[in-house]
């Protein structure tokens, strides 16, 4: 993961100029808009998808890209979710991390959680949703780490009804543990980086799916199984027979597993309503 971070540090500034997805509105199906959203630390852009016919009403899907921004696997996942009729708010990891990379500093997970809270609130206002609208999180690679550090912060967990972490890595390179987060149930390495897999278990009764490649170069799915333990009523691991971190030869299976995971999460929201 560290080698990947050094590569990304060299590339993110270039990629940040291309953060908007090449996704146009689809007449009769959905509309796409891009709007700036603000946090205490920076301004980034949210990409909103509004289905013309609501197929999954009652909640908002928040999507966070990987280091490829709005390209590659991240783009394929976002387009797939749009085609499936979800109301979406999408955020680019390269754009969100741009200022952090330039400063060569890491921010605390507490700061990151507060930024997410602000982004969620603005996304709901922009989409005309109520403040109480529940959220399902979907993140790919670096974007999947948002699922894990959400688990550490109860103020974020309260608004999340389910999450899907795709190609989850071991730790978040640009985040450090906040003061007060050095609790026995929160594991950090010698650089105070929260370990993502143990953090996931703090989601409690919230349904979580992890989708991992069998040949992921950072955490192969067999290792994910060891870290997560067996499936439970609130946890599922999908192991995709793929040759790399981006599921390049198994996109169809990836999308099928994502659909299945979201249906599983939606069963909870339906029964609770």
Protein backbone atom coordinates (compact mmCIF):
# COMPACT_ATOMS: atom_id res chain seq x y z
CA UNK A 1 0.00 0.00 0.00
CA UNK A 2 2.85 2.42 0.73
CA UNK A 3 4.23 2.06 -2.79
CA UNK A 4 0.79 2.81 -4.12
CA UNK A 5 0.62 5.95 -1.98
CA UNK A 6 3.90 7.29 -3.34
CA UNK A 7 2.68 6.74 -6.86
CA UNK A 8 -0.62 8.45 -6.08
CA UNK A 9 1.11 11.41 -4.47
CA UNK A 10 2.83 12.03 -7.80
CA UNK A 11 -0.36 11.62 -9.81
CA UNK A 12 -3.19 13.08 -7.76
CA UNK A 13 -2.46 16.67 -8.71
CA UNK A 14 -2.78 15.79 -12.38
CA UNK A 15 -5.86 13.66 -11.83
CA UNK A 16 -7.51 16.36 -9.71
CA UNK A 17 -8.02 18.39 -12.85
CA UNK A 18 -10.10 15.55 -14.32
CA UNK A 19 -12.29 14.74 -11.36
CA UNK A 20 -15.70 14.97 -13.02
CA UNK A 21 -17.07 11.70 -14.41
CA UNK A 22 -17.71 11.31 -18.09
CA UNK A 23 -21.31 10.51 -17.26
CA UNK A 24 -24.05 12.41 -19.04
CA UNK A 25 -27.72 12.51 -18.22
CA UNK A 26 -29.66 9.69 -19.84
CA UNK A 27 -32.96 11.00 -21.23
CA UNK A 28 -35.93 9.26 -19.67
CA UNK A 29 -33.73 7.42 -17.14
CA UNK A 30 -31.68 9.80 -14.97
CA UNK A 31 -30.21 13.28 -14.78
CA UNK A 32 -26.63 14.08 -13.77
CA UNK A 33 -25.45 17.32 -12.20
CA UNK A 34 -22.16 18.43 -10.62
CA UNK A 35 -22.15 20.91 -7.74
CA UNK A 36 -19.46 22.21 -5.37
CA UNK A 37 -19.70 21.19 -1.73
CA UNK A 38 -17.74 22.80 1.08
CA UNK A 39 -16.08 21.56 4.26
CA UNK A 40 -13.92 23.33 6.80
CA UNK A 41 -10.85 22.13 4.87
CA UNK A 42 -11.64 22.41 1.18
CA UNK A 43 -14.14 22.60 -1.64
CA UNK A 44 -14.79 19.54 -3.77
CA UNK A 45 -17.42 18.56 -6.29
CA UNK A 46 -20.29 16.17 -5.79
CA UNK A 47 -21.76 14.33 -8.75
CA UNK A 48 -25.48 13.76 -8.29
CA UNK A 49 -27.64 11.26 -10.11
CA UNK A 50 -31.41 11.63 -9.89
CA UNK A 51 -33.46 8.77 -11.39
CA UNK A 52 -36.55 10.00 -13.23
CA UNK A 53 -38.47 7.02 -11.89
CA UNK A 54 -37.50 6.15 -8.34
CA UNK A 55 -36.66 2.46 -8.03
CA UNK A 56 -34.98 2.59 -4.61
CA UNK A 57 -36.80 5.31 -2.72
CA UNK A 58 -36.22 6.22 0.89
CA UNK A 59 -32.43 6.54 1.04
CA UNK A 60 -29.34 8.00 -0.59
CA UNK A 61 -26.39 6.01 -1.90
CA UNK A 62 -23.08 7.81 -1.29
CA UNK A 63 -20.26 6.58 -3.54
CA UNK A 64 -16.54 7.24 -2.98
CA UNK A 65 -14.08 6.48 -5.76
CA UNK A 66 -10.66 4.91 -5.56
CA UNK A 67 -7.40 6.50 -6.67
CA UNK A 68 -8.53 6.20 -10.30
CA UNK A 69 -11.04 8.97 -9.65
CA UNK A 70 -13.83 8.96 -12.22
CA UNK A 71 -12.10 6.42 -14.43
CA UNK A 72 -11.59 2.67 -14.53
CA UNK A 73 -13.39 0.53 -11.98
CA UNK A 74 -14.72 3.53 -10.05
CA UNK A 75 -16.47 4.89 -13.12
CA UNK A 76 -17.84 1.47 -14.05
CA UNK A 77 -19.32 1.06 -10.56
CA UNK A 78 -20.87 4.53 -10.55
CA UNK A 79 -22.44 4.08 -13.99
CA UNK A 80 -23.79 0.69 -12.91
CA UNK A 81 -25.45 2.23 -9.85
CA UNK A 82 -26.97 4.98 -12.00
CA UNK A 83 -28.33 2.42 -14.44
CA UNK A 84 -29.92 0.55 -11.53
CA UNK A 85 -31.97 3.58 -10.57
CA UNK A 86 -30.27 4.72 -7.36
CA UNK A 87 -30.24 8.29 -6.12
CA UNK A 88 -26.51 8.97 -5.91
CA UNK A 89 -24.02 11.41 -4.49
CA UNK A 90 -20.53 10.61 -5.77
CA UNK A 91 -17.20 11.96 -4.52
CA UNK A 92 -13.73 11.61 -6.03
CA UNK A 93 -10.96 10.45 -3.68
CA UNK A 94 -8.19 12.21 -5.66
CA UNK A 95 -10.03 15.51 -5.42
CA UNK A 96 -10.86 15.07 -1.73
CA UNK A 97 -7.22 14.23 -0.95
CA UNK A 98 -5.61 16.90 -3.15
CA UNK A 99 -4.88 19.41 -0.38
CA UNK A 100 -3.68 16.69 1.99
CA UNK A 101 -1.25 15.35 -0.62
CA UNK A 102 0.07 18.83 -1.33
CA UNK A 103 0.63 19.52 2.37
CA UNK A 104 2.31 16.14 2.96
CA UNK A 105 0.28 15.82 6.16
CA UNK A 106 -2.29 13.34 7.41
CA UNK A 107 -5.60 14.42 8.92
CA UNK A 108 -7.30 12.75 11.86
CA UNK A 109 -10.22 10.44 11.33
CA UNK A 110 -12.19 12.84 13.52
CA UNK A 111 -11.59 15.63 11.00
CA UNK A 112 -12.43 13.30 8.14
CA UNK A 113 -15.64 12.21 9.86
CA UNK A 114 -16.69 15.83 10.37
CA UNK A 115 -16.00 16.54 6.69
CA UNK A 116 -18.14 13.57 5.69
CA UNK A 117 -20.94 14.76 7.93
CA UNK A 118 -20.85 18.15 6.22
CA UNK A 119 -20.77 16.54 2.76
CA UNK A 120 -23.74 14.30 3.56
CA UNK A 121 -25.82 17.23 4.81
CA UNK A 122 -25.09 19.33 1.72
CA UNK A 123 -25.77 16.40 -0.63
CA UNK A 124 -29.19 15.87 0.91
CA UNK A 125 -30.04 19.55 0.56
CA UNK A 126 -28.88 19.64 -3.06
CA UNK A 127 -30.95 16.55 -3.87
CA UNK A 128 -34.02 17.83 -2.02
CA UNK A 129 -33.90 15.04 0.57
CA UNK A 130 -34.76 15.39 4.24
CA UNK A 131 -32.04 15.51 6.88
CA UNK A 132 -33.27 12.16 8.20
CA UNK A 133 -32.83 10.36 4.86
CA UNK A 134 -30.72 7.25 5.60
CA UNK A 135 -27.51 6.58 3.69
CA UNK A 136 -26.03 3.46 2.12
CA UNK A 137 -22.29 3.84 1.58
CA UNK A 138 -20.45 2.27 -1.34
CA UNK A 139 -16.71 2.76 -1.66
CA UNK A 140 -14.01 1.35 -3.93
CA UNK A 141 -10.39 0.88 -2.78
CA UNK A 142 -9.36 4.11 -1.02
CA UNK A 143 -13.02 5.13 -1.06
CA UNK A 144 -13.86 1.96 0.86
CA UNK A 145 -11.80 3.20 3.80
CA UNK A 146 -14.56 5.75 4.46
CA UNK A 147 -16.76 2.82 5.44
CA UNK A 148 -14.25 1.75 8.07
CA UNK A 149 -13.60 5.07 9.75
CA UNK A 150 -17.34 5.77 9.72
CA UNK A 151 -17.57 2.77 12.02
CA UNK A 152 -15.31 4.52 14.53
CA UNK A 153 -17.58 7.57 14.83
CA UNK A 154 -21.09 7.04 16.29
CA UNK A 155 -22.33 10.38 14.95
CA UNK A 156 -21.84 9.00 11.43
CA UNK A 157 -23.04 5.48 12.17
CA UNK A 158 -26.45 6.76 13.22
CA UNK A 159 -27.26 7.85 9.67
CA UNK A 160 -25.89 4.78 7.87
CA UNK A 161 -28.22 1.83 7.22
CA UNK A 162 -25.73 -0.27 5.26
CA UNK A 163 -22.36 -0.23 3.51
CA UNK A 164 -20.46 -1.99 0.74
CA UNK A 165 -16.65 -1.86 0.82
CA UNK A 166 -15.06 -2.96 -2.46
CA UNK A 167 -11.34 -3.80 -2.72
CA UNK A 168 -10.72 -2.79 0.89
CA UNK A 169 -7.09 -2.19 1.91
CA UNK A 170 -5.56 -2.69 5.37
CA UNK A 171 -5.19 0.94 6.44
CA UNK A 172 -5.88 4.51 5.30
CA UNK A 173 -2.59 6.15 4.33
CA UNK A 174 -3.75 9.75 4.64
CA UNK A 175 -5.62 9.37 7.93
CA UNK A 176 -4.36 9.10 11.50
CA UNK A 177 -6.18 8.19 14.68
CA UNK A 178 -7.75 11.11 16.53
CA UNK A 179 -7.14 11.90 20.17
CA UNK A 180 -9.37 9.61 22.21
CA UNK A 181 -9.46 6.92 19.53
CA UNK A 182 -6.72 4.84 21.16
CA UNK A 183 -9.25 2.47 22.66
CA UNK A 184 -8.67 -1.29 22.99
CA UNK A 185 -11.23 -2.09 20.30
CA UNK A 186 -9.56 0.27 17.79
CA UNK A 187 -6.34 -1.10 16.36
CA UNK A 188 -3.65 1.21 14.97
CA UNK A 189 -0.20 0.57 13.57
CA UNK A 190 3.01 2.29 14.68
CA UNK A 191 2.06 5.34 12.58
CA UNK A 192 -1.34 5.71 14.28
CA UNK A 193 -3.17 4.55 11.16
CA UNK A 194 -6.42 2.81 12.01
CA UNK A 195 -6.55 -0.78 10.80
CA UNK A 196 -9.61 -0.97 8.60
CA UNK A 197 -10.76 -4.55 9.00
CA UNK A 198 -10.96 -4.50 12.81
CA UNK A 199 -12.69 -1.11 12.59
CA UNK A 200 -15.47 -2.58 10.46
CA UNK A 201 -16.63 -4.68 13.39
CA UNK A 202 -17.62 -1.48 15.20
CA UNK A 203 -20.53 -1.04 12.79
CA UNK A 204 -22.55 -3.25 15.13
CA UNK A 205 -25.97 -4.08 13.73
CA UNK A 206 -25.45 -2.23 10.44
CA UNK A 207 -25.28 -4.56 7.46
CA UNK A 208 -21.88 -4.55 5.79
CA UNK A 209 -20.69 -6.33 2.63
CA UNK A 210 -17.06 -6.57 1.56
CA UNK A 211 -16.33 -7.49 -2.07
CA UNK A 212 -12.75 -8.61 -2.61
CA UNK A 213 -10.73 -10.04 -5.49
CA UNK A 214 -9.08 -13.43 -5.04
CA UNK A 215 -5.88 -11.91 -6.44
CA UNK A 216 -6.07 -8.46 -4.90
CA UNK A 217 -2.49 -7.19 -4.67
CA UNK A 218 -3.06 -5.59 -1.25
CA UNK A 219 -5.49 -7.91 0.56
CA UNK A 220 -6.51 -11.08 -1.32
CA UNK A 221 -9.99 -12.30 -0.52
CA UNK A 222 -8.67 -15.30 1.43
CA UNK A 223 -6.92 -12.90 3.79
CA UNK A 224 -10.07 -10.78 3.98
CA UNK A 225 -11.89 -13.89 5.20
CA UNK A 226 -9.29 -14.43 7.92
CA UNK A 227 -9.53 -10.80 9.02
CA UNK A 228 -13.33 -10.65 8.99
CA UNK A 229 -14.19 -14.11 10.22
CA UNK A 230 -17.28 -16.02 9.04
CA UNK A 231 -20.36 -14.38 7.55
CA UNK A 232 -23.02 -13.33 10.04
CA UNK A 233 -26.48 -11.77 9.92
CA UNK A 234 -24.84 -8.37 9.45
CA UNK A 235 -21.63 -9.24 7.58
CA UNK A 236 -21.01 -10.79 4.17
CA UNK A 237 -17.81 -11.31 2.21
CA UNK A 238 -18.05 -11.77 -1.55
CA UNK A 239 -14.94 -13.39 -3.03
CA UNK A 240 -14.63 -12.63 -6.74
CA UNK A 241 -12.35 -14.76 -8.89
CA UNK A 242 -10.45 -11.85 -10.42
CA UNK A 243 -6.85 -11.31 -11.44
CA UNK A 244 -6.23 -7.92 -9.80
CA UNK A 245 -7.29 -5.17 -7.39
CA UNK A 246 -9.56 -3.58 -10.02
CA UNK A 247 -11.48 -6.77 -11.00
CA UNK A 248 -10.41 -6.07 -14.59
CA UNK A 249 -11.36 -9.52 -15.90
CA UNK A 250 -14.43 -9.99 -13.69
CA UNK A 251 -16.48 -6.80 -13.89
CA UNK A 252 -19.74 -8.65 -14.56
CA UNK A 253 -19.32 -10.74 -11.41
CA UNK A 254 -18.38 -7.65 -9.42
CA UNK A 255 -21.58 -5.89 -10.50
CA UNK A 256 -23.71 -8.95 -9.76
CA UNK A 257 -22.27 -9.19 -6.26
CA UNK A 258 -22.79 -5.46 -5.71
CA UNK A 259 -26.44 -5.82 -6.72
CA UNK A 260 -26.87 -8.77 -4.38
CA UNK A 261 -25.25 -6.91 -1.49
CA UNK A 262 -27.49 -3.88 -2.00
CA UNK A 263 -30.62 -6.05 -2.16
CA UNK A 264 -29.55 -7.63 1.13
CA UNK A 265 -29.13 -4.20 2.71
CA UNK A 266 -32.41 -2.96 1.27
CA UNK A 267 -34.23 -5.86 2.92
CA UNK A 268 -33.28 -4.34 6.27
CA UNK A 269 -34.49 -0.86 5.34
CA UNK A 270 -37.75 -2.26 3.97
CA UNK A 271 -38.50 -4.36 7.05
CA UNK A 272 -37.70 -1.45 9.33
CA UNK A 273 -40.10 0.94 7.56
